PDB file of N, CA and C in Angstrom:
ATOM      1  N   UNK A   1     -33.272  33.619  -7.930  1.00  0.00           N
ATOM      2  CA  UNK A   1     -34.408  34.410  -8.300  1.00  0.00           C
ATOM      3  C   UNK A   1     -34.205  35.828  -7.812  1.00  0.00           C
ATOM      4  N   UNK A   2     -34.598  36.764  -8.634  1.00  0.00           N
ATOM      5  CA  UNK A   2     -34.562  38.164  -8.237  1.00  0.00           C
ATOM      6  C   UNK A   2     -35.922  38.507  -7.635  1.00  0.00           C
ATOM      7  N   UNK A   3     -35.950  38.668  -6.324  1.00  0.00           N
ATOM      8  CA  UNK A   3     -37.211  38.940  -5.633  1.00  0.00           C
ATOM      9  C   UNK A   3     -37.812  40.281  -6.033  1.00  0.00           C
ATOM     10  N   UNK A   4     -36.999  41.175  -6.542  1.00  0.00           N
ATOM     11  CA  UNK A   4     -37.501  42.478  -6.987  1.00  0.00           C
ATOM     12  C   UNK A   4     -38.430  42.349  -8.192  1.00  0.00           C
ATOM     13  N   UNK A   5     -38.285  41.274  -8.949  1.00  0.00           N
ATOM     14  CA  UNK A   5     -39.105  41.069 -10.147  1.00  0.00           C
ATOM     15  C   UNK A   5     -40.429  40.373  -9.854  1.00  0.00           C
ATOM     16  N   UNK A   6     -40.620  39.914  -8.626  1.00  0.00           N
ATOM     17  CA  UNK A   6     -41.853  39.222  -8.262  1.00  0.00           C
ATOM     18  C   UNK A   6     -42.833  40.250  -7.709  1.00  0.00           C
ATOM     19  N   UNK A   7     -43.974  40.387  -8.353  1.00  0.00           N
ATOM     20  CA  UNK A   7     -44.949  41.419  -7.975  1.00  0.00           C
ATOM     21  C   UNK A   7     -46.040  40.909  -7.037  1.00  0.00           C
ATOM     22  N   UNK A   8     -46.324  39.613  -7.061  1.00  0.00           N
ATOM     23  CA  UNK A   8     -47.415  39.055  -6.267  1.00  0.00           C
ATOM     24  C   UNK A   8     -46.904  38.587  -4.900  1.00  0.00           C
ATOM     25  N   UNK A   9     -47.563  39.042  -3.837  1.00  0.00           N
ATOM     26  CA  UNK A   9     -47.165  38.662  -2.476  1.00  0.00           C
ATOM     27  C   UNK A   9     -47.233  37.157  -2.256  1.00  0.00           C
ATOM     28  N   UNK A  10     -48.260  36.507  -2.830  1.00  0.00           N
ATOM     29  CA  UNK A  10     -48.425  35.072  -2.593  1.00  0.00           C
ATOM     30  C   UNK A  10     -47.256  34.279  -3.171  1.00  0.00           C
ATOM     31  N   UNK A  11     -46.637  34.764  -4.234  1.00  0.00           N
ATOM     32  CA  UNK A  11     -45.479  34.068  -4.817  1.00  0.00           C
ATOM     33  C   UNK A  11     -44.317  34.090  -3.830  1.00  0.00           C
ATOM     34  N   UNK A  12     -44.078  35.216  -3.226  1.00  0.00           N
ATOM     35  CA  UNK A  12     -43.011  35.334  -2.225  1.00  0.00           C
ATOM     36  C   UNK A  12     -43.301  34.434  -1.033  1.00  0.00           C
ATOM     37  N   UNK A  13     -44.536  34.499  -0.510  1.00  0.00           N
ATOM     38  CA  UNK A  13     -44.902  33.651   0.641  1.00  0.00           C
ATOM     39  C   UNK A  13     -44.688  32.181   0.320  1.00  0.00           C
ATOM     40  N   UNK A  14     -45.151  31.759  -0.850  1.00  0.00           N
ATOM     41  CA  UNK A  14     -45.034  30.349  -1.219  1.00  0.00           C
ATOM     42  C   UNK A  14     -43.585  29.936  -1.459  1.00  0.00           C
ATOM     43  N   UNK A  15     -42.780  30.835  -1.952  1.00  0.00           N
ATOM     44  CA  UNK A  15     -41.368  30.544  -2.178  1.00  0.00           C
ATOM     45  C   UNK A  15     -40.676  30.231  -0.857  1.00  0.00           C
ATOM     46  N   UNK A  16     -40.879  31.081   0.126  1.00  0.00           N
ATOM     47  CA  UNK A  16     -40.260  30.852   1.435  1.00  0.00           C
ATOM     48  C   UNK A  16     -40.875  29.631   2.129  1.00  0.00           C
ATOM     49  N   UNK A  17     -42.176  29.437   1.963  1.00  0.00           N
ATOM     50  CA  UNK A  17     -42.844  28.273   2.561  1.00  0.00           C
ATOM     51  C   UNK A  17     -42.297  26.980   1.974  1.00  0.00           C
ATOM     52  N   UNK A  18     -42.086  26.969   0.653  1.00  0.00           N
ATOM     53  CA  UNK A  18     -41.545  25.776   0.002  1.00  0.00           C
ATOM     54  C   UNK A  18     -40.185  25.399   0.595  1.00  0.00           C
ATOM     55  N   UNK A  19     -39.337  26.381   0.810  1.00  0.00           N
ATOM     56  CA  UNK A  19     -38.026  26.117   1.405  1.00  0.00           C
ATOM     57  C   UNK A  19     -38.166  25.575   2.823  1.00  0.00           C
ATOM     58  N   UNK A  20     -39.085  26.151   3.608  1.00  0.00           N
ATOM     59  CA  UNK A  20     -39.317  25.653   4.972  1.00  0.00           C
ATOM     60  C   UNK A  20     -39.770  24.196   4.946  1.00  0.00           C
ATOM     61  N   UNK A  21     -40.678  23.890   4.041  1.00  0.00           N
ATOM     62  CA  UNK A  21     -41.183  22.521   3.934  1.00  0.00           C
ATOM     63  C   UNK A  21     -40.069  21.579   3.507  1.00  0.00           C
ATOM     64  N   UNK A  22     -39.319  21.959   2.491  1.00  0.00           N
ATOM     65  CA  UNK A  22     -38.233  21.103   2.005  1.00  0.00           C
ATOM     66  C   UNK A  22     -37.200  20.829   3.094  1.00  0.00           C
ATOM     67  N   UNK A  23     -36.993  21.800   3.996  1.00  0.00           N
ATOM     68  CA  UNK A  23     -35.995  21.618   5.050  1.00  0.00           C
ATOM     69  C   UNK A  23     -36.402  20.534   6.044  1.00  0.00           C
ATOM     70  N   UNK A  24     -37.687  20.195   6.104  1.00  0.00           N
ATOM     71  CA  UNK A  24     -38.183  19.158   7.014  1.00  0.00           C
ATOM     72  C   UNK A  24     -38.054  17.753   6.442  1.00  0.00           C
ATOM     73  N   UNK A  25     -37.727  17.647   5.150  1.00  0.00           N
ATOM     74  CA  UNK A  25     -37.762  16.354   4.464  1.00  0.00           C
ATOM     75  C   UNK A  25     -36.367  15.791   4.256  1.00  0.00           C
ATOM     76  N   UNK A  26     -36.131  14.623   4.792  1.00  0.00           N
ATOM     77  CA  UNK A  26     -34.883  13.885   4.598  1.00  0.00           C
ATOM     78  C   UNK A  26     -35.266  12.461   4.207  1.00  0.00           C
ATOM     79  N   UNK A  27     -35.315  12.210   2.921  1.00  0.00           N
ATOM     80  CA  UNK A  27     -35.765  10.917   2.416  1.00  0.00           C
ATOM     81  C   UNK A  27     -35.032  10.633   1.108  1.00  0.00           C
ATOM     82  N   UNK A  28     -34.639   9.376   0.865  1.00  0.00           N
ATOM     83  CA  UNK A  28     -33.877   9.067  -0.351  1.00  0.00           C
ATOM     84  C   UNK A  28     -34.649   9.289  -1.662  1.00  0.00           C
ATOM     85  N   UNK A  29     -35.952   9.392  -1.604  1.00  0.00           N
ATOM     86  CA  UNK A  29     -36.749   9.579  -2.825  1.00  0.00           C
ATOM     87  C   UNK A  29     -37.260  11.016  -2.974  1.00  0.00           C
ATOM     88  N   UNK A  30     -36.763  11.921  -2.142  1.00  0.00           N
ATOM     89  CA  UNK A  30     -37.155  13.326  -2.198  1.00  0.00           C
ATOM     90  C   UNK A  30     -35.884  14.161  -2.338  1.00  0.00           C
ATOM     91  N   UNK A  31     -35.881  15.081  -3.284  1.00  0.00           N
ATOM     92  CA  UNK A  31     -34.726  15.950  -3.494  1.00  0.00           C
ATOM     93  C   UNK A  31     -34.426  16.704  -2.200  1.00  0.00           C
ATOM     94  N   UNK A  32     -33.160  16.715  -1.810  1.00  0.00           N
ATOM     95  CA  UNK A  32     -32.752  17.361  -0.560  1.00  0.00           C
ATOM     96  C   UNK A  32     -32.468  18.843  -0.761  1.00  0.00           C
ATOM     97  N   UNK A  33     -32.889  19.619   0.226  1.00  0.00           N
ATOM     98  CA  UNK A  33     -32.554  21.035   0.284  1.00  0.00           C
ATOM     99  C   UNK A  33     -31.288  21.166   1.119  1.00  0.00           C
ATOM    100  N   UNK A  34     -30.267  21.819   0.562  1.00  0.00           N
ATOM    101  CA  UNK A  34     -29.025  21.998   1.308  1.00  0.00           C
ATOM    102  C   UNK A  34     -28.967  23.350   2.004  1.00  0.00           C
ATOM    103  N   UNK A  35     -29.446  24.387   1.324  1.00  0.00           N
ATOM    104  CA  UNK A  35     -29.299  25.716   1.889  1.00  0.00           C
ATOM    105  C   UNK A  35     -30.178  26.708   1.136  1.00  0.00           C
ATOM    106  N   UNK A  36     -30.554  27.778   1.806  1.00  0.00           N
ATOM    107  CA  UNK A  36     -31.182  28.916   1.146  1.00  0.00           C
ATOM    108  C   UNK A  36     -30.346  30.145   1.470  1.00  0.00           C
ATOM    109  N   UNK A  37     -30.311  31.078   0.543  1.00  0.00           N
ATOM    110  CA  UNK A  37     -29.552  32.312   0.749  1.00  0.00           C
ATOM    111  C   UNK A  37     -30.331  33.474   0.147  1.00  0.00           C
ATOM    112  N   UNK A  38     -30.288  34.587   0.841  1.00  0.00           N
ATOM    113  CA  UNK A  38     -30.818  35.821   0.281  1.00  0.00           C
ATOM    114  C   UNK A  38     -29.713  36.864   0.365  1.00  0.00           C
ATOM    115  N   UNK A  39     -29.354  37.395  -0.782  1.00  0.00           N
ATOM    116  CA  UNK A  39     -28.263  38.367  -0.867  1.00  0.00           C
ATOM    117  C   UNK A  39     -28.792  39.787  -0.697  1.00  0.00           C
ATOM    118  N   UNK A  40     -27.893  40.719  -0.480  1.00  0.00           N
ATOM    119  CA  UNK A  40     -28.253  42.121  -0.263  1.00  0.00           C
ATOM    120  C   UNK A  40     -28.989  42.714  -1.462  1.00  0.00           C
ATOM    121  N   UNK A  41     -28.719  42.194  -2.671  1.00  0.00           N
ATOM    122  CA  UNK A  41     -29.395  42.723  -3.868  1.00  0.00           C
ATOM    123  C   UNK A  41     -30.789  42.116  -4.047  1.00  0.00           C
ATOM    124  N   UNK A  42     -31.255  41.369  -3.028  1.00  0.00           N
ATOM    125  CA  UNK A  42     -32.577  40.738  -3.014  1.00  0.00           C
ATOM    126  C   UNK A  42     -32.670  39.541  -3.959  1.00  0.00           C
ATOM    127  N   UNK A  43     -31.546  38.910  -4.218  1.00  0.00           N
ATOM    128  CA  UNK A  43     -31.543  37.641  -4.947  1.00  0.00           C
ATOM    129  C   UNK A  43     -31.733  36.520  -3.930  1.00  0.00           C
ATOM    130  N   UNK A  44     -32.576  35.555  -4.270  1.00  0.00           N
ATOM    131  CA  UNK A  44     -32.881  34.446  -3.367  1.00  0.00           C
ATOM    132  C   UNK A  44     -32.464  33.147  -4.039  1.00  0.00           C
ATOM    133  N   UNK A  45     -31.747  32.316  -3.313  1.00  0.00           N
ATOM    134  CA  UNK A  45     -31.231  31.064  -3.849  1.00  0.00           C
ATOM    135  C   UNK A  45     -31.743  29.894  -3.022  1.00  0.00           C
ATOM    136  N   UNK A  46     -32.172  28.849  -3.707  1.00  0.00           N
ATOM    137  CA  UNK A  46     -32.526  27.588  -3.072  1.00  0.00           C
ATOM    138  C   UNK A  46     -31.547  26.560  -3.621  1.00  0.00           C
ATOM    139  N   UNK A  47     -30.687  26.030  -2.753  1.00  0.00           N
ATOM    140  CA  UNK A  47     -29.653  25.086  -3.186  1.00  0.00           C
ATOM    141  C   UNK A  47     -30.121  23.679  -2.847  1.00  0.00           C
ATOM    142  N   UNK A  48     -30.313  22.881  -3.890  1.00  0.00           N
ATOM    143  CA  UNK A  48     -30.762  21.491  -3.731  1.00  0.00           C
ATOM    144  C   UNK A  48     -29.744  20.546  -4.353  1.00  0.00           C
ATOM    145  N   UNK A  49     -29.924  19.281  -4.101  1.00  0.00           N
ATOM    146  CA  UNK A  49     -29.045  18.297  -4.720  1.00  0.00           C
ATOM    147  C   UNK A  49     -29.373  18.180  -6.200  1.00  0.00           C
ATOM    148  N   UNK A  50     -28.390  17.750  -6.965  1.00  0.00           N
ATOM    149  CA  UNK A  50     -28.580  17.533  -8.399  1.00  0.00           C
ATOM    150  C   UNK A  50     -28.967  16.075  -8.614  1.00  0.00           C
ATOM    151  N   UNK A  51     -30.015  15.872  -9.368  1.00  0.00           N
ATOM    152  CA  UNK A  51     -30.462  14.524  -9.698  1.00  0.00           C
ATOM    153  C   UNK A  51     -30.339  14.361 -11.212  1.00  0.00           C
ATOM    154  N   UNK A  52     -29.492  13.458 -11.625  1.00  0.00           N
ATOM    155  CA  UNK A  52     -29.301  13.205 -13.056  1.00  0.00           C
ATOM    156  C   UNK A  52     -30.308  12.189 -13.569  1.00  0.00           C
ATOM    157  N   UNK A  53     -30.483  12.147 -14.866  1.00  0.00           N
ATOM    158  CA  UNK A  53     -31.286  11.096 -15.466  1.00  0.00           C
ATOM    159  C   UNK A  53     -32.621  11.553 -16.017  1.00  0.00           C
ATOM    160  N   UNK A  54     -32.988  12.796 -15.822  1.00  0.00           N
ATOM    161  CA  UNK A  54     -34.245  13.280 -16.386  1.00  0.00           C
ATOM    162  C   UNK A  54     -35.443  12.997 -15.502  1.00  0.00           C
ATOM    163  N   UNK A  55     -36.606  13.253 -16.049  1.00  0.00           N
ATOM    164  CA  UNK A  55     -37.827  13.086 -15.270  1.00  0.00           C
ATOM    165  C   UNK A  55     -38.482  11.733 -15.562  1.00  0.00           C
ATOM    166  N   UNK A  56     -39.404  11.347 -14.701  1.00  0.00           N
ATOM    167  CA  UNK A  56     -40.058  10.045 -14.804  1.00  0.00           C
ATOM    168  C   UNK A  56     -40.870   9.908 -16.082  1.00  0.00           C
ATOM    169  N   UNK A  57     -41.551  10.967 -16.482  1.00  0.00           N
ATOM    170  CA  UNK A  57     -42.387  10.913 -17.681  1.00  0.00           C
ATOM    171  C   UNK A  57     -41.545  10.560 -18.914  1.00  0.00           C
ATOM    172  N   UNK A  58     -40.402  11.211 -19.062  1.00  0.00           N
ATOM    173  CA  UNK A  58     -39.509  10.924 -20.188  1.00  0.00           C
ATOM    174  C   UNK A  58     -38.983   9.500 -20.103  1.00  0.00           C
ATOM    175  N   UNK A  59     -38.641   9.071 -18.896  1.00  0.00           N
ATOM    176  CA  UNK A  59     -38.147   7.704 -18.710  1.00  0.00           C
ATOM    177  C   UNK A  59     -39.189   6.687 -19.170  1.00  0.00           C
ATOM    178  N   UNK A  60     -40.424   6.885 -18.767  1.00  0.00           N
ATOM    179  CA  UNK A  60     -41.495   5.955 -19.141  1.00  0.00           C
ATOM    180  C   UNK A  60     -41.700   5.961 -20.654  1.00  0.00           C
ATOM    181  N   UNK A  61     -41.746   7.136 -21.257  1.00  0.00           N
ATOM    182  CA  UNK A  61     -41.939   7.238 -22.704  1.00  0.00           C
ATOM    183  C   UNK A  61     -40.833   6.541 -23.484  1.00  0.00           C
ATOM    184  N   UNK A  62     -39.634   6.508 -22.920  1.00  0.00           N
ATOM    185  CA  UNK A  62     -38.490   5.878 -23.584  1.00  0.00           C
ATOM    186  C   UNK A  62     -38.490   4.356 -23.471  1.00  0.00           C
ATOM    187  N   UNK A  63     -39.362   3.809 -22.639  1.00  0.00           N
ATOM    188  CA  UNK A  63     -39.437   2.357 -22.488  1.00  0.00           C
ATOM    189  C   UNK A  63     -40.169   1.735 -23.675  1.00  0.00           C
ATOM    190  N   UNK A  64     -39.944   0.460 -23.890  1.00  0.00           N
ATOM    191  CA  UNK A  64     -40.611  -0.249 -24.974  1.00  0.00           C
ATOM    192  C   UNK A  64     -42.127  -0.111 -24.825  1.00  0.00           C
ATOM    193  N   UNK A  65     -42.775   0.346 -25.863  1.00  0.00           N
ATOM    194  CA  UNK A  65     -44.217   0.530 -25.834  1.00  0.00           C
ATOM    195  C   UNK A  65     -44.656   1.757 -25.050  1.00  0.00           C
ATOM    196  N   UNK A  66     -43.700   2.546 -24.556  1.00  0.00           N
ATOM    197  CA  UNK A  66     -44.047   3.749 -23.812  1.00  0.00           C
ATOM    198  C   UNK A  66     -44.643   3.496 -22.447  1.00  0.00           C
ATOM    199  N   UNK A  67     -44.353   2.311 -21.878  1.00  0.00           N
ATOM    200  CA  UNK A  67     -44.860   2.015 -20.538  1.00  0.00           C
ATOM    201  C   UNK A  67     -43.874   1.134 -19.797  1.00  0.00           C
ATOM    202  N   UNK A  68     -44.030   1.100 -18.478  1.00  0.00           N
ATOM    203  CA  UNK A  68     -43.143   0.297 -17.633  1.00  0.00           C
ATOM    204  C   UNK A  68     -43.674  -1.107 -17.494  1.00  0.00           C
ATOM    205  N   UNK A  69     -42.753  -2.053 -17.304  1.00  0.00           N
ATOM    206  CA  UNK A  69     -43.209  -3.410 -17.006  1.00  0.00           C
ATOM    207  C   UNK A  69     -43.645  -3.467 -15.543  1.00  0.00           C
ATOM    208  N   UNK A  70     -44.270  -4.542 -15.170  1.00  0.00           N
ATOM    209  CA  UNK A  70     -44.857  -4.640 -13.830  1.00  0.00           C
ATOM    210  C   UNK A  70     -43.815  -4.549 -12.728  1.00  0.00           C
ATOM    211  N   UNK A  71     -42.662  -5.151 -12.925  1.00  0.00           N
ATOM    212  CA  UNK A  71     -41.622  -5.136 -11.895  1.00  0.00           C
ATOM    213  C   UNK A  71     -41.129  -3.710 -11.638  1.00  0.00           C
ATOM    214  N   UNK A  72     -40.849  -2.972 -12.690  1.00  0.00           N
ATOM    215  CA  UNK A  72     -40.387  -1.586 -12.536  1.00  0.00           C
ATOM    216  C   UNK A  72     -41.490  -0.713 -11.929  1.00  0.00           C
ATOM    217  N   UNK A  73     -42.723  -0.936 -12.350  1.00  0.00           N
ATOM    218  CA  UNK A  73     -43.848  -0.167 -11.818  1.00  0.00           C
ATOM    219  C   UNK A  73     -43.970  -0.374 -10.311  1.00  0.00           C
ATOM    220  N   UNK A  74     -43.779  -1.603  -9.879  1.00  0.00           N
ATOM    221  CA  UNK A  74     -43.869  -1.908  -8.450  1.00  0.00           C
ATOM    222  C   UNK A  74     -42.799  -1.153  -7.664  1.00  0.00           C
ATOM    223  N   UNK A  75     -41.581  -1.110  -8.189  1.00  0.00           N
ATOM    224  CA  UNK A  75     -40.485  -0.405  -7.513  1.00  0.00           C
ATOM    225  C   UNK A  75     -40.812   1.087  -7.391  1.00  0.00           C
ATOM    226  N   UNK A  76     -41.245   1.706  -8.496  1.00  0.00           N
ATOM    227  CA  UNK A  76     -41.586   3.130  -8.459  1.00  0.00           C
ATOM    228  C   UNK A  76     -42.760   3.395  -7.509  1.00  0.00           C
ATOM    229  N   UNK A  77     -43.759   2.545  -7.538  1.00  0.00           N
ATOM    230  CA  UNK A  77     -44.923   2.728  -6.664  1.00  0.00           C
ATOM    231  C   UNK A  77     -44.504   2.668  -5.194  1.00  0.00           C
ATOM    232  N   UNK A  78     -43.612   1.741  -4.854  1.00  0.00           N
ATOM    233  CA  UNK A  78     -43.128   1.635  -3.476  1.00  0.00           C
ATOM    234  C   UNK A  78     -42.373   2.896  -3.068  1.00  0.00           C
ATOM    235  N   UNK A  79     -41.588   3.436  -3.992  1.00  0.00           N
ATOM    236  CA  UNK A  79     -40.841   4.661  -3.697  1.00  0.00           C
ATOM    237  C   UNK A  79     -41.788   5.851  -3.498  1.00  0.00           C
ATOM    238  N   UNK A  80     -42.809   5.949  -4.343  1.00  0.00           N
ATOM    239  CA  UNK A  80     -43.787   7.034  -4.209  1.00  0.00           C
ATOM    240  C   UNK A  80     -44.494   6.960  -2.859  1.00  0.00           C
ATOM    241  N   UNK A  81     -44.970   5.775  -2.523  1.00  0.00           N
ATOM    242  CA  UNK A  81     -45.712   5.607  -1.267  1.00  0.00           C
ATOM    243  C   UNK A  81     -44.811   5.923  -0.078  1.00  0.00           C
ATOM    244  N   UNK A  82     -43.571   5.474  -0.126  1.00  0.00           N
ATOM    245  CA  UNK A  82     -42.626   5.749   0.952  1.00  0.00           C
ATOM    246  C   UNK A  82     -42.386   7.251   1.109  1.00  0.00           C
ATOM    247  N   UNK A  83     -42.206   7.962   0.002  1.00  0.00           N
ATOM    248  CA  UNK A  83     -41.959   9.410   0.051  1.00  0.00           C
ATOM    249  C   UNK A  83     -43.188  10.163   0.559  1.00  0.00           C
ATOM    250  N   UNK A  84     -44.360   9.790   0.082  1.00  0.00           N
ATOM    251  CA  UNK A  84     -45.589  10.467   0.515  1.00  0.00           C
ATOM    252  C   UNK A  84     -45.866  10.186   1.986  1.00  0.00           C
ATOM    253  N   UNK A  85     -45.637   8.960   2.438  1.00  0.00           N
ATOM    254  CA  UNK A  85     -45.791   8.638   3.854  1.00  0.00           C
ATOM    255  C   UNK A  85     -44.851   9.491   4.699  1.00  0.00           C
ATOM    256  N   UNK A  86     -43.618   9.629   4.260  1.00  0.00           N
ATOM    257  CA  UNK A  86     -42.636  10.464   4.960  1.00  0.00           C
ATOM    258  C   UNK A  86     -43.157  11.896   5.099  1.00  0.00           C
ATOM    259  N   UNK A  87     -43.721  12.444   4.017  1.00  0.00           N
ATOM    260  CA  UNK A  87     -44.262  13.806   4.060  1.00  0.00           C
ATOM    261  C   UNK A  87     -45.462  13.892   5.000  1.00  0.00           C
ATOM    262  N   UNK A  88     -46.374  12.942   4.892  1.00  0.00           N
ATOM    263  CA  UNK A  88     -47.581  12.966   5.722  1.00  0.00           C
ATOM    264  C   UNK A  88     -47.232  12.850   7.207  1.00  0.00           C
ATOM    265  N   UNK A  89     -46.214  12.068   7.528  1.00  0.00           N
ATOM    266  CA  UNK A  89     -45.797  11.928   8.925  1.00  0.00           C
ATOM    267  C   UNK A  89     -45.262  13.232   9.491  1.00  0.00           C
ATOM    268  N   UNK A  90     -44.887  14.147   8.628  1.00  0.00           N
ATOM    269  CA  UNK A  90     -44.389  15.454   9.045  1.00  0.00           C
ATOM    270  C   UNK A  90     -45.410  16.560   8.843  1.00  0.00           C
ATOM    271  N   UNK A  91     -46.666  16.164   8.569  1.00  0.00           N
ATOM    272  CA  UNK A  91     -47.742  17.128   8.423  1.00  0.00           C
ATOM    273  C   UNK A  91     -47.722  17.881   7.100  1.00  0.00           C
ATOM    274  N   UNK A  92     -47.102  17.293   6.088  1.00  0.00           N
ATOM    275  CA  UNK A  92     -46.984  17.923   4.777  1.00  0.00           C
ATOM    276  C   UNK A  92     -47.842  17.140   3.785  1.00  0.00           C
ATOM    277  N   UNK A  93     -48.654  17.859   3.030  1.00  0.00           N
ATOM    278  CA  UNK A  93     -49.501  17.233   2.017  1.00  0.00           C
ATOM    279  C   UNK A  93     -48.968  17.610   0.640  1.00  0.00           C
ATOM    280  N   UNK A  94     -48.736  16.628  -0.203  1.00  0.00           N
ATOM    281  CA  UNK A  94     -48.277  16.888  -1.566  1.00  0.00           C
ATOM    282  C   UNK A  94     -49.488  17.179  -2.439  1.00  0.00           C
ATOM    283  N   UNK A  95     -49.409  18.246  -3.260  1.00  0.00           N
ATOM    284  CA  UNK A  95     -50.543  18.553  -4.121  1.00  0.00           C
ATOM    285  C   UNK A  95     -50.288  18.080  -5.531  1.00  0.00           C
TER     286      UNK A  95
END
């Protein structure tokens, strides 16, 4: 991101805050932050792991009838609860 193009202060604050928050999270169901960099030209980089396979919404829509079966739903629900618990234990609230 080119920080010179961002005009609102709250966007900058939230950008740096997001990186700080991500650095506290180490969980298999949460994308990992590897590094942040700010270059002399005021470019800001957030380096995260790559997750293949698309998003959950597309995955669900691609299932028969556009919904998950109970077994798959249970697995995803357990992963969500585990990730949110991990965040809450570190004082982070997901919005």
